[in-house]
Protein backbone atom coordinates (compact mmCIF):
# COMPACT_ATOMS: atom_id res chain seq x y z
CA MET A 1 290.00 11.77 26.93
CA PRO A 2 287.77 14.07 28.99
CA ILE A 3 288.74 12.65 32.41
CA THR A 4 292.22 11.54 33.39
CA VAL A 5 293.65 10.14 36.62
CA ALA A 6 297.40 9.94 37.25
CA TRP A 7 299.95 10.22 40.01
CA GLY A 8 300.96 13.88 40.40
CA ASN A 9 304.47 13.23 41.64
CA ARG A 10 307.06 10.46 41.79
CA GLU A 11 306.56 10.03 45.56
CA GLN A 12 303.01 8.94 44.71
CA ASN A 13 301.35 11.01 47.40
CA ILE A 14 299.41 13.29 45.04
CA ILE A 15 296.77 12.13 42.56
CA ASN A 16 295.71 14.41 39.72
CA LEU A 17 292.14 14.19 38.45
CA THR A 18 291.54 16.35 35.37
CA LEU A 19 288.10 17.00 33.88
CA GLU A 20 288.16 18.50 30.38
CA GLY A 21 285.46 19.15 27.82
CA THR A 22 282.22 17.20 27.92
CA TRP A 23 282.15 14.09 30.10
CA ALA A 24 279.56 11.66 31.45
CA TRP A 25 278.96 10.19 34.91
CA ASN A 26 280.08 6.73 33.80
CA GLU A 27 283.45 8.25 32.85
CA TYR A 28 283.65 9.94 36.25
CA ASP A 29 282.72 6.68 37.99
CA THR A 30 285.54 4.92 36.12
CA ALA A 31 287.95 7.66 37.25
CA ALA A 32 286.68 7.38 40.84
CA ASN A 33 287.38 3.65 40.77
CA ALA A 34 290.89 4.31 39.43
CA ILE A 35 291.48 6.75 42.31
CA SER A 36 290.34 4.11 44.80
CA VAL A 37 292.81 1.61 43.31
CA LEU A 38 295.69 4.12 43.57
CA LEU A 39 294.75 4.93 47.17
CA SER A 40 294.61 1.26 48.09
CA GLY A 41 298.15 0.76 46.83
CA ALA A 42 299.56 3.87 48.52
CA ASN A 43 302.00 3.62 51.43
CA SER A 44 301.17 7.01 52.94
CA SER A 45 298.53 9.72 52.98
CA VAL A 46 297.51 10.98 49.56
CA ASP A 47 296.22 14.36 48.40
CA LEU A 48 293.86 14.70 45.45
CA VAL A 49 294.09 17.63 43.04
CA ILE A 50 290.93 18.03 40.96
CA ASP A 51 291.45 20.29 37.95
CA PHE A 52 288.12 21.58 36.64
CA ARG A 53 289.31 22.66 33.20
CA SER A 54 285.74 22.10 32.11
CA ASP A 55 282.73 23.71 33.71
CA HIS A 56 280.55 21.01 32.15
CA VAL A 57 278.44 18.99 34.56
CA PRO A 58 276.21 16.14 33.34
CA ASP A 59 272.56 15.80 34.37
CA ASN A 60 271.67 14.39 37.80
CA ALA A 61 274.67 16.04 39.45
CA VAL A 62 272.98 16.50 42.82
CA LYS A 63 272.17 12.78 42.97
CA HIS A 64 275.82 11.93 42.34
CA ILE A 65 277.04 14.44 44.92
CA GLU A 66 274.62 13.11 47.54
CA GLU A 67 275.76 9.54 46.93
CA GLY A 68 279.36 10.57 47.53
CA TYR A 69 282.36 8.61 46.33
CA LEU A 70 284.18 5.94 48.23
CA PHE A 71 287.62 7.38 47.49
CA PHE A 72 286.75 10.52 49.44
CA TRP A 73 286.39 8.42 52.60
CA HIS A 74 289.44 6.25 51.98
CA PRO A 75 291.70 6.19 55.08
CA ARG A 76 294.71 7.29 52.97
CA MET A 77 292.91 10.41 51.67
CA ARG A 78 294.18 13.65 53.19
CA PHE A 79 293.34 16.89 51.32
CA THR A 80 291.31 17.50 48.20
CA ILE A 81 292.46 20.59 46.29
CA LEU A 82 289.86 21.99 43.89
CA VAL A 83 291.35 23.98 41.01
CA GLY A 84 289.40 26.38 38.81
CA VAL A 85 286.03 25.99 40.52
CA LYS A 86 283.34 28.21 39.01
CA GLY A 87 279.70 28.30 37.98
CA PHE A 88 277.51 25.30 38.69
CA ILE A 89 280.44 23.31 40.08
CA ARG A 90 280.68 25.86 42.89
CA THR A 91 276.98 25.32 43.60
CA LEU A 92 277.53 21.55 43.74
CA LEU A 93 280.37 21.99 46.20
CA ILE A 94 278.14 24.06 48.46
CA ARG A 95 275.64 21.18 48.35
CA PHE A 96 278.42 18.69 49.15
CA VAL A 97 279.53 20.75 52.15
CA GLN A 98 275.94 20.98 53.37
CA THR A 99 275.57 17.20 53.05
CA TYR A 100 278.98 16.36 54.59
CA PRO A 101 279.92 19.28 56.89
CA GLY A 102 282.61 17.20 58.61
CA ARG A 103 284.63 17.16 55.37
CA VAL A 104 284.96 20.94 55.01
CA GLN A 105 288.47 21.05 56.46
CA GLN A 106 289.58 18.45 53.93
CA LEU A 107 288.74 20.76 50.99
CA LEU A 108 291.15 23.41 49.76
CA PHE A 109 290.87 25.74 46.77
CA ALA A 110 293.45 26.99 44.28
CA GLY A 111 293.26 29.10 41.13
CA THR A 112 295.87 27.13 39.19
CA LEU A 113 297.61 23.75 39.31
CA GLU A 114 300.84 25.46 40.31
CA ASN A 115 299.09 27.16 43.23
CA ALA A 116 297.59 23.82 44.26
CA HIS A 117 301.02 22.21 44.51
CA VAL A 118 302.41 25.22 46.42
CA LEU A 119 299.49 24.98 48.85
CA LEU A 120 300.11 21.26 49.37
CA ALA A 121 303.81 21.88 49.99
CA LYS A 122 302.97 24.51 52.61
CA ARG A 123 300.46 22.18 54.30
CA SER A 124 303.04 19.38 54.39
CA LYS A 125 305.66 21.65 55.97
CA GLN A 126 303.13 22.84 58.58
CA ARG A 127 302.28 19.23 59.39
CA LEU A 128 305.95 18.32 59.82
CA VAL A 129 306.49 21.26 62.18
CA THR A 130 303.49 20.37 64.35
CA LEU A 131 304.33 16.64 64.67
């Protein structure tokens, strides 16, 4: 399966979205809906880790980026960690940031999944200290 969505931990405050191989927008839309369902059932803030194992992007990417996705604006959504961003995906993210500049602080970048989880742990500790 080229796109998978699953809880990233047993506390259910991290969602993993993995994109592998060749995928289509309808598959991404299905994954986005699954993320929205998980967020709606969450009891606390949730972070999203997007693992770009594939640098494949279907046609009409700019249109999809401009439309945005409801899960990104869900009140439970906290950080979005982007793992392995390169090539055209990086260009799309620049477009996203230009379209939604208020969301820049919500985006974080990591080279590996392990680094993404370390970054989230650090952010959570910082948040606890500042509360």
